[in-house]
Amino acid sequence: KSIYDKIEFYIPHRFSEGYGVSQKGIQYAIDE
């Protein structure tokens, strides 16, 4: 972020997504 603006972060929700890379997280990346 100190050198580039088009960056964001994603943390899965413990209860609705569980541990690690999630389907919802990948879908978010696709949609965005």
ModelCIF file with pLDDT and N, C-alpha, C, O atoms, coordinates in Angstrom:
data_MODEL
#
_entry.id   MODEL 
#
_entity.id                         1 
_entity.type                       polymer 
_entity.pdbx_number_of_molecules   1 
#
_entity_poly.entity_id                      1 
_entity_poly.type                           'polypeptide(L)' 
_entity_poly.nstd_linkage                   no 
_entity_poly.nstd_monomer                   no 
_entity_poly.pdbx_seq_one_letter_code       KSIYDKIEFYIPHRFSEGYGVSQKGIQYAIDE 
_entity_poly.pdbx_seq_one_letter_code_can   KSIYDKIEFYIPHRFSEGYGVSQKGIQYAIDE 
_entity_poly.pdbx_strand_id                 A 
#
loop_
_entity_poly_seq.entity_id 
_entity_poly_seq.num 
_entity_poly_seq.mon_id 
_entity_poly_seq.hetero 
1 1  LYS n 
1 2  SER n 
1 3  ILE n 
1 4  TYR n 
1 5  ASP n 
1 6  LYS n 
1 7  ILE n 
1 8  GLU n 
1 9  PHE n 
1 10 TYR n 
1 11 ILE n 
1 12 PRO n 
1 13 HIS n 
1 14 ARG n 
1 15 PHE n 
1 16 SER n 
1 17 GLU n 
1 18 GLY n 
1 19 TYR n 
1 20 GLY n 
1 21 VAL n 
1 22 SER n 
1 23 GLN n 
1 24 LYS n 
1 25 GLY n 
1 26 ILE n 
1 27 GLN n 
1 28 TYR n 
1 29 ALA n 
1 30 ILE n 
1 31 ASP n 
1 32 GLU n 
#
_struct_asym.id          A 
_struct_asym.entity_id   1 
#
loop_
_ma_qa_metric.id 
_ma_qa_metric.mode 
_ma_qa_metric.name 
_ma_qa_metric.software_group_id 
_ma_qa_metric.type 
1 global pLDDT . pLDDT 
2 local  pLDDT . pLDDT 
#
_ma_qa_metric_global.metric_id      1 
_ma_qa_metric_global.metric_value   92.00 
_ma_qa_metric_global.model_id       1 
_ma_qa_metric_global.ordinal_id     1 
#
loop_
_ma_qa_metric_local.label_asym_id 
_ma_qa_metric_local.label_comp_id 
_ma_qa_metric_local.label_seq_id 
_ma_qa_metric_local.metric_id 
_ma_qa_metric_local.metric_value 
_ma_qa_metric_local.model_id 
_ma_qa_metric_local.ordinal_id 
A LYS 1  2 97.00 1 1  
A SER 2  2 96.00 1 2  
A ILE 3  2 96.00 1 3  
A TYR 4  2 97.00 1 4  
A ASP 5  2 96.00 1 5  
A LYS 6  2 98.00 1 6  
A ILE 7  2 98.00 1 7  
A GLU 8  2 97.00 1 8  
A PHE 9  2 97.00 1 9  
A TYR 10 2 96.00 1 10 
A ILE 11 2 93.00 1 11 
A PRO 12 2 92.00 1 12 
A HIS 13 2 86.00 1 13 
A ARG 14 2 78.00 1 14 
A PHE 15 2 74.00 1 15 
A SER 16 2 80.00 1 16 
A GLU 17 2 78.00 1 17 
A GLY 18 2 78.00 1 18 
A TYR 19 2 81.00 1 19 
A GLY 20 2 84.00 1 20 
A VAL 21 2 93.00 1 21 
A SER 22 2 94.00 1 22 
A GLN 23 2 95.00 1 23 
A LYS 24 2 95.00 1 24 
A GLY 25 2 96.00 1 25 
A ILE 26 2 97.00 1 26 
A GLN 27 2 96.00 1 27 
A TYR 28 2 97.00 1 28 
A ALA 29 2 98.00 1 29 
A ILE 30 2 97.00 1 30 
A ASP 31 2 97.00 1 31 
A GLU 32 2 97.00 1 32 
#
loop_
_atom_site.group_PDB 
_atom_site.id 
_atom_site.type_symbol 
_atom_site.label_atom_id 
_atom_site.label_alt_id 
_atom_site.label_comp_id 
_atom_site.label_asym_id 
_atom_site.label_entity_id 
_atom_site.label_seq_id 
_atom_site.pdbx_PDB_ins_code 
_atom_site.Cartn_x 
_atom_site.Cartn_y 
_atom_site.Cartn_z 
_atom_site.occupancy 
_atom_site.B_iso_or_equiv 
_atom_site.pdbx_formal_charge 
_atom_site.auth_seq_id 
_atom_site.auth_comp_id 
_atom_site.auth_asym_id 
_atom_site.auth_atom_id 
_atom_site.pdbx_PDB_model_num 
ATOM 1   N N  . LYS A 1 1  ? 0.830   -1.199  0.000   1.00 97.00 ? 1  LYS A N  1 
ATOM 2   C CA . LYS A 1 1  ? 0.000   0.000   0.000   1.00 97.00 ? 1  LYS A CA 1 
ATOM 3   C C  . LYS A 1 1  ? 0.872   1.260   0.000   1.00 97.00 ? 1  LYS A C  1 
ATOM 4   O O  . LYS A 1 1  ? 0.447   2.314   -0.474  1.00 97.00 ? 1  LYS A O  1 
ATOM 5   N N  . SER A 1 2  ? 2.082   1.145   0.529   1.00 96.00 ? 2  SER A N  1 
ATOM 6   C CA . SER A 1 2  ? 2.981   2.311   0.558   1.00 96.00 ? 2  SER A CA 1 
ATOM 7   C C  . SER A 1 2  ? 3.510   2.667   -0.825  1.00 96.00 ? 2  SER A C  1 
ATOM 8   O O  . SER A 1 2  ? 4.023   3.767   -1.034  1.00 96.00 ? 2  SER A O  1 
ATOM 9   N N  . ILE A 1 3  ? 3.384   1.725   -1.782  1.00 96.00 ? 3  ILE A N  1 
ATOM 10  C CA . ILE A 1 3  ? 3.893   2.001   -3.131  1.00 96.00 ? 3  ILE A CA 1 
ATOM 11  C C  . ILE A 1 3  ? 2.821   1.847   -4.220  1.00 96.00 ? 3  ILE A C  1 
ATOM 12  O O  . ILE A 1 3  ? 3.072   2.148   -5.386  1.00 96.00 ? 3  ILE A O  1 
ATOM 13  N N  . TYR A 1 4  ? 1.607   1.369   -3.828  1.00 97.00 ? 4  TYR A N  1 
ATOM 14  C CA . TYR A 1 4  ? 0.601   1.038   -4.849  1.00 97.00 ? 4  TYR A CA 1 
ATOM 15  C C  . TYR A 1 4  ? -0.787  1.130   -4.233  1.00 97.00 ? 4  TYR A C  1 
ATOM 16  O O  . TYR A 1 4  ? -0.993  0.721   -3.090  1.00 97.00 ? 4  TYR A O  1 
ATOM 17  N N  . ASP A 1 5  ? -1.747  1.672   -4.998  1.00 96.00 ? 5  ASP A N  1 
ATOM 18  C CA . ASP A 1 5  ? -3.086  1.934   -4.459  1.00 96.00 ? 5  ASP A CA 1 
ATOM 19  C C  . ASP A 1 5  ? -4.117  0.828   -4.673  1.00 96.00 ? 5  ASP A C  1 
ATOM 20  O O  . ASP A 1 5  ? -4.996  0.634   -3.833  1.00 96.00 ? 5  ASP A O  1 
ATOM 21  N N  . LYS A 1 6  ? -4.019  0.102   -5.790  1.00 98.00 ? 6  LYS A N  1 
ATOM 22  C CA . LYS A 1 6  ? -5.100  -0.835  -6.144  1.00 98.00 ? 6  LYS A CA 1 
ATOM 23  C C  . LYS A 1 6  ? -4.892  -2.184  -5.454  1.00 98.00 ? 6  LYS A C  1 
ATOM 24  O O  . LYS A 1 6  ? -4.649  -3.213  -6.085  1.00 98.00 ? 6  LYS A O  1 
ATOM 25  N N  . ILE A 1 7  ? -4.999  -2.123  -4.139  1.00 98.00 ? 7  ILE A N  1 
ATOM 26  C CA . ILE A 1 7  ? -4.748  -3.308  -3.333  1.00 98.00 ? 7  ILE A CA 1 
ATOM 27  C C  . ILE A 1 7  ? -5.739  -3.335  -2.173  1.00 98.00 ? 7  ILE A C  1 
ATOM 28  O O  . ILE A 1 7  ? -6.031  -2.300  -1.574  1.00 98.00 ? 7  ILE A O  1 
ATOM 29  N N  . GLU A 1 8  ? -6.246  -4.504  -1.863  1.00 97.00 ? 8  GLU A N  1 
ATOM 30  C CA . GLU A 1 8  ? -7.155  -4.659  -0.732  1.00 97.00 ? 8  GLU A CA 1 
ATOM 31  C C  . GLU A 1 8  ? -6.888  -5.992  -0.048  1.00 97.00 ? 8  GLU A C  1 
ATOM 32  O O  . GLU A 1 8  ? -6.098  -6.803  -0.533  1.00 97.00 ? 8  GLU A O  1 
ATOM 33  N N  . PHE A 1 9  ? -7.554  -6.212  1.083   1.00 97.00 ? 9  PHE A N  1 
ATOM 34  C CA . PHE A 1 9  ? -7.323  -7.470  1.802   1.00 97.00 ? 9  PHE A CA 1 
ATOM 35  C C  . PHE A 1 9  ? -8.629  -8.197  2.063   1.00 97.00 ? 9  PHE A C  1 
ATOM 36  O O  . PHE A 1 9  ? -9.708  -7.605  2.041   1.00 97.00 ? 9  PHE A O  1 
ATOM 37  N N  . TYR A 1 10 ? -8.507  -9.491  2.310   1.00 96.00 ? 10 TYR A N  1 
ATOM 38  C CA . TYR A 1 10 ? -9.676  -10.333 2.586   1.00 96.00 ? 10 TYR A CA 1 
ATOM 39  C C  . TYR A 1 10 ? -9.327  -11.310 3.706   1.00 96.00 ? 10 TYR A C  1 
ATOM 40  O O  . TYR A 1 10 ? -8.307  -11.998 3.655   1.00 96.00 ? 10 TYR A O  1 
ATOM 41  N N  . ILE A 1 11 ? -10.193 -11.356 4.715   1.00 93.00 ? 11 ILE A N  1 
ATOM 42  C CA . ILE A 1 11 ? -10.063 -12.322 5.813   1.00 93.00 ? 11 ILE A CA 1 
ATOM 43  C C  . ILE A 1 11 ? -11.344 -13.146 5.856   1.00 93.00 ? 11 ILE A C  1 
ATOM 44  O O  . ILE A 1 11 ? -12.422 -12.573 6.018   1.00 93.00 ? 11 ILE A O  1 
ATOM 45  N N  . PRO A 1 12 ? -11.271 -14.469 5.717   1.00 92.00 ? 12 PRO A N  1 
ATOM 46  C CA . PRO A 1 12 ? -12.495 -15.279 5.767   1.00 92.00 ? 12 PRO A CA 1 
ATOM 47  C C  . PRO A 1 12 ? -13.123 -15.221 7.157   1.00 92.00 ? 12 PRO A C  1 
ATOM 48  O O  . PRO A 1 12 ? -12.422 -15.084 8.159   1.00 92.00 ? 12 PRO A O  1 
ATOM 49  N N  . HIS A 1 13 ? -14.441 -15.325 7.207   1.00 86.00 ? 13 HIS A N  1 
ATOM 50  C CA . HIS A 1 13 ? -15.145 -15.330 8.486   1.00 86.00 ? 13 HIS A CA 1 
ATOM 51  C C  . HIS A 1 13 ? -15.093 -16.733 9.076   1.00 86.00 ? 13 HIS A C  1 
ATOM 52  O O  . HIS A 1 13 ? -15.419 -17.714 8.408   1.00 86.00 ? 13 HIS A O  1 
ATOM 53  N N  . ARG A 1 14 ? -14.682 -16.814 10.330  1.00 78.00 ? 14 ARG A N  1 
ATOM 54  C CA . ARG A 1 14 ? -14.479 -18.113 10.980  1.00 78.00 ? 14 ARG A CA 1 
ATOM 55  C C  . ARG A 1 14 ? -15.705 -19.025 10.886  1.00 78.00 ? 14 ARG A C  1 
ATOM 56  O O  . ARG A 1 14 ? -15.574 -20.218 10.615  1.00 78.00 ? 14 ARG A O  1 
ATOM 57  N N  . PHE A 1 15 ? -16.902 -18.459 11.111  1.00 74.00 ? 15 PHE A N  1 
ATOM 58  C CA . PHE A 1 15 ? -18.111 -19.290 11.208  1.00 74.00 ? 15 PHE A CA 1 
ATOM 59  C C  . PHE A 1 15 ? -18.746 -19.573 9.857   1.00 74.00 ? 15 PHE A C  1 
ATOM 60  O O  . PHE A 1 15 ? -19.213 -20.687 9.622   1.00 74.00 ? 15 PHE A O  1 
ATOM 61  N N  . SER A 1 16 ? -18.773 -18.594 8.968   1.00 80.00 ? 16 SER A N  1 
ATOM 62  C CA . SER A 1 16 ? -19.453 -18.801 7.684   1.00 80.00 ? 16 SER A CA 1 
ATOM 63  C C  . SER A 1 16 ? -18.544 -19.352 6.589   1.00 80.00 ? 16 SER A C  1 
ATOM 64  O O  . SER A 1 16 ? -19.032 -19.915 5.609   1.00 80.00 ? 16 SER A O  1 
ATOM 65  N N  . GLU A 1 17 ? -17.218 -19.195 6.743   1.00 78.00 ? 17 GLU A N  1 
ATOM 66  C CA . GLU A 1 17 ? -16.295 -19.653 5.697   1.00 78.00 ? 17 GLU A CA 1 
ATOM 67  C C  . GLU A 1 17 ? -15.294 -20.690 6.166   1.00 78.00 ? 17 GLU A C  1 
ATOM 68  O O  . GLU A 1 17 ? -14.873 -21.546 5.387   1.00 78.00 ? 17 GLU A O  1 
ATOM 69  N N  . GLY A 1 18 ? -14.906 -20.621 7.438   1.00 78.00 ? 18 GLY A N  1 
ATOM 70  C CA . GLY A 1 18 ? -13.940 -21.579 7.956   1.00 78.00 ? 18 GLY A CA 1 
ATOM 71  C C  . GLY A 1 18 ? -12.510 -21.209 7.612   1.00 78.00 ? 18 GLY A C  1 
ATOM 72  O O  . GLY A 1 18 ? -12.223 -20.124 7.106   1.00 78.00 ? 18 GLY A O  1 
ATOM 73  N N  . TYR A 1 19 ? -11.618 -22.159 7.906   1.00 81.00 ? 19 TYR A N  1 
ATOM 74  C CA . TYR A 1 19 ? -10.183 -21.911 7.786   1.00 81.00 ? 19 TYR A CA 1 
ATOM 75  C C  . TYR A 1 19 ? -9.721  -21.867 6.335   1.00 81.00 ? 19 TYR A C  1 
ATOM 76  O O  . TYR A 1 19 ? -10.237 -22.601 5.491   1.00 81.00 ? 19 TYR A O  1 
ATOM 77  N N  . GLY A 1 20 ? -8.749  -21.005 6.048   1.00 84.00 ? 20 GLY A N  1 
ATOM 78  C CA . GLY A 1 20 ? -8.048  -21.033 4.768   1.00 84.00 ? 20 GLY A CA 1 
ATOM 79  C C  . GLY A 1 20 ? -8.813  -20.389 3.625   1.00 84.00 ? 20 GLY A C  1 
ATOM 80  O O  . GLY A 1 20 ? -9.771  -19.644 3.831   1.00 84.00 ? 20 GLY A O  1 
ATOM 81  N N  . VAL A 1 21 ? -8.363  -20.697 2.409   1.00 93.00 ? 21 VAL A N  1 
ATOM 82  C CA . VAL A 1 21 ? -8.978  -20.130 1.199   1.00 93.00 ? 21 VAL A CA 1 
ATOM 83  C C  . VAL A 1 21 ? -10.408 -20.662 1.087   1.00 93.00 ? 21 VAL A C  1 
ATOM 84  O O  . VAL A 1 21 ? -10.635 -21.864 1.223   1.00 93.00 ? 21 VAL A O  1 
ATOM 85  N N  . SER A 1 22 ? -11.364 -19.776 0.840   1.00 94.00 ? 22 SER A N  1 
ATOM 86  C CA . SER A 1 22 ? -12.773 -20.165 0.784   1.00 94.00 ? 22 SER A CA 1 
ATOM 87  C C  . SER A 1 22 ? -13.363 -19.904 -0.596  1.00 94.00 ? 22 SER A C  1 
ATOM 88  O O  . SER A 1 22 ? -12.856 -19.087 -1.365  1.00 94.00 ? 22 SER A O  1 
ATOM 89  N N  . GLN A 1 23 ? -14.432 -20.607 -0.884  1.00 95.00 ? 23 GLN A N  1 
ATOM 90  C CA . GLN A 1 23 ? -15.180 -20.384 -2.128  1.00 95.00 ? 23 GLN A CA 1 
ATOM 91  C C  . GLN A 1 23 ? -15.675 -18.941 -2.197  1.00 95.00 ? 23 GLN A C  1 
ATOM 92  O O  . GLN A 1 23 ? -15.609 -18.293 -3.241  1.00 95.00 ? 23 GLN A O  1 
ATOM 93  N N  . LYS A 1 24 ? -16.170 -18.457 -1.063  1.00 95.00 ? 24 LYS A N  1 
ATOM 94  C CA . LYS A 1 24 ? -16.688 -17.084 -1.006  1.00 95.00 ? 24 LYS A CA 1 
ATOM 95  C C  . LYS A 1 24 ? -15.576 -16.071 -1.292  1.00 95.00 ? 24 LYS A C  1 
ATOM 96  O O  . LYS A 1 24 ? -15.800 -15.065 -1.965  1.00 95.00 ? 24 LYS A O  1 
ATOM 97  N N  . GLY A 1 25 ? -14.381 -16.347 -0.777  1.00 96.00 ? 25 GLY A N  1 
ATOM 98  C CA . GLY A 1 25 ? -13.259 -15.444 -0.998  1.00 96.00 ? 25 GLY A CA 1 
ATOM 99  C C  . GLY A 1 25 ? -12.843 -15.378 -2.455  1.00 96.00 ? 25 GLY A C  1 
ATOM 100 O O  . GLY A 1 25 ? -12.571 -14.300 -2.984  1.00 96.00 ? 25 GLY A O  1 
ATOM 101 N N  . ILE A 1 26 ? -12.794 -16.545 -3.106  1.00 97.00 ? 26 ILE A N  1 
ATOM 102 C CA . ILE A 1 26 ? -12.449 -16.577 -4.537  1.00 97.00 ? 26 ILE A CA 1 
ATOM 103 C C  . ILE A 1 26 ? -13.542 -15.891 -5.354  1.00 97.00 ? 26 ILE A C  1 
ATOM 104 O O  . ILE A 1 26 ? -13.257 -15.157 -6.300  1.00 97.00 ? 26 ILE A O  1 
ATOM 105 N N  . GLN A 1 27 ? -14.793 -16.138 -4.977  1.00 96.00 ? 27 GLN A N  1 
ATOM 106 C CA . GLN A 1 27 ? -15.898 -15.502 -5.705  1.00 96.00 ? 27 GLN A CA 1 
ATOM 107 C C  . GLN A 1 27 ? -15.842 -13.982 -5.562  1.00 96.00 ? 27 GLN A C  1 
ATOM 108 O O  . GLN A 1 27 ? -16.133 -13.248 -6.506  1.00 96.00 ? 27 GLN A O  1 
ATOM 109 N N  . TYR A 1 28 ? -15.466 -13.522 -4.367  1.00 97.00 ? 28 TYR A N  1 
ATOM 110 C CA . TYR A 1 28 ? -15.295 -12.081 -4.147  1.00 97.00 ? 28 TYR A CA 1 
ATOM 111 C C  . TYR A 1 28 ? -14.244 -11.535 -5.115  1.00 97.00 ? 28 TYR A C  1 
ATOM 112 O O  . TYR A 1 28 ? -14.441 -10.482 -5.723  1.00 97.00 ? 28 TYR A O  1 
ATOM 113 N N  . ALA A 1 29 ? -13.140 -12.247 -5.253  1.00 98.00 ? 29 ALA A N  1 
ATOM 114 C CA . ALA A 1 29 ? -12.071 -11.800 -6.151  1.00 98.00 ? 29 ALA A CA 1 
ATOM 115 C C  . ALA A 1 29 ? -12.553 -11.739 -7.597  1.00 98.00 ? 29 ALA A C  1 
ATOM 116 O O  . ALA A 1 29 ? -12.222 -10.808 -8.331  1.00 98.00 ? 29 ALA A O  1 
ATOM 117 N N  . ILE A 1 30 ? -13.335 -12.736 -7.999  1.00 97.00 ? 30 ILE A N  1 
ATOM 118 C CA . ILE A 1 30 ? -13.888 -12.758 -9.363  1.00 97.00 ? 30 ILE A CA 1 
ATOM 119 C C  . ILE A 1 30 ? -14.819 -11.556 -9.571  1.00 97.00 ? 30 ILE A C  1 
ATOM 120 O O  . ILE A 1 30 ? -14.715 -10.841 -10.568 1.00 97.00 ? 30 ILE A O  1 
ATOM 121 N N  . ASP A 1 31 ? -15.722 -11.352 -8.620  1.00 97.00 ? 31 ASP A N  1 
ATOM 122 C CA . ASP A 1 31 ? -16.713 -10.268 -8.730  1.00 97.00 ? 31 ASP A CA 1 
ATOM 123 C C  . ASP A 1 31 ? -16.049 -8.891  -8.736  1.00 97.00 ? 31 ASP A C  1 
ATOM 124 O O  . ASP A 1 31 ? -16.565 -7.955  -9.346  1.00 97.00 ? 31 ASP A O  1 
ATOM 125 N N  . GLU A 1 32 ? -14.915 -8.769  -8.066  1.00 97.00 ? 32 GLU A N  1 
ATOM 126 C CA . GLU A 1 32 ? -14.238 -7.469  -7.949  1.00 97.00 ? 32 GLU A CA 1 
ATOM 127 C C  . GLU A 1 32 ? -13.145 -7.280  -9.002  1.00 97.00 ? 32 GLU A C  1 
ATOM 128 O O  . GLU A 1 32 ? -12.489 -6.239  -9.031  1.00 97.00 ? 32 GLU A O  1 
#
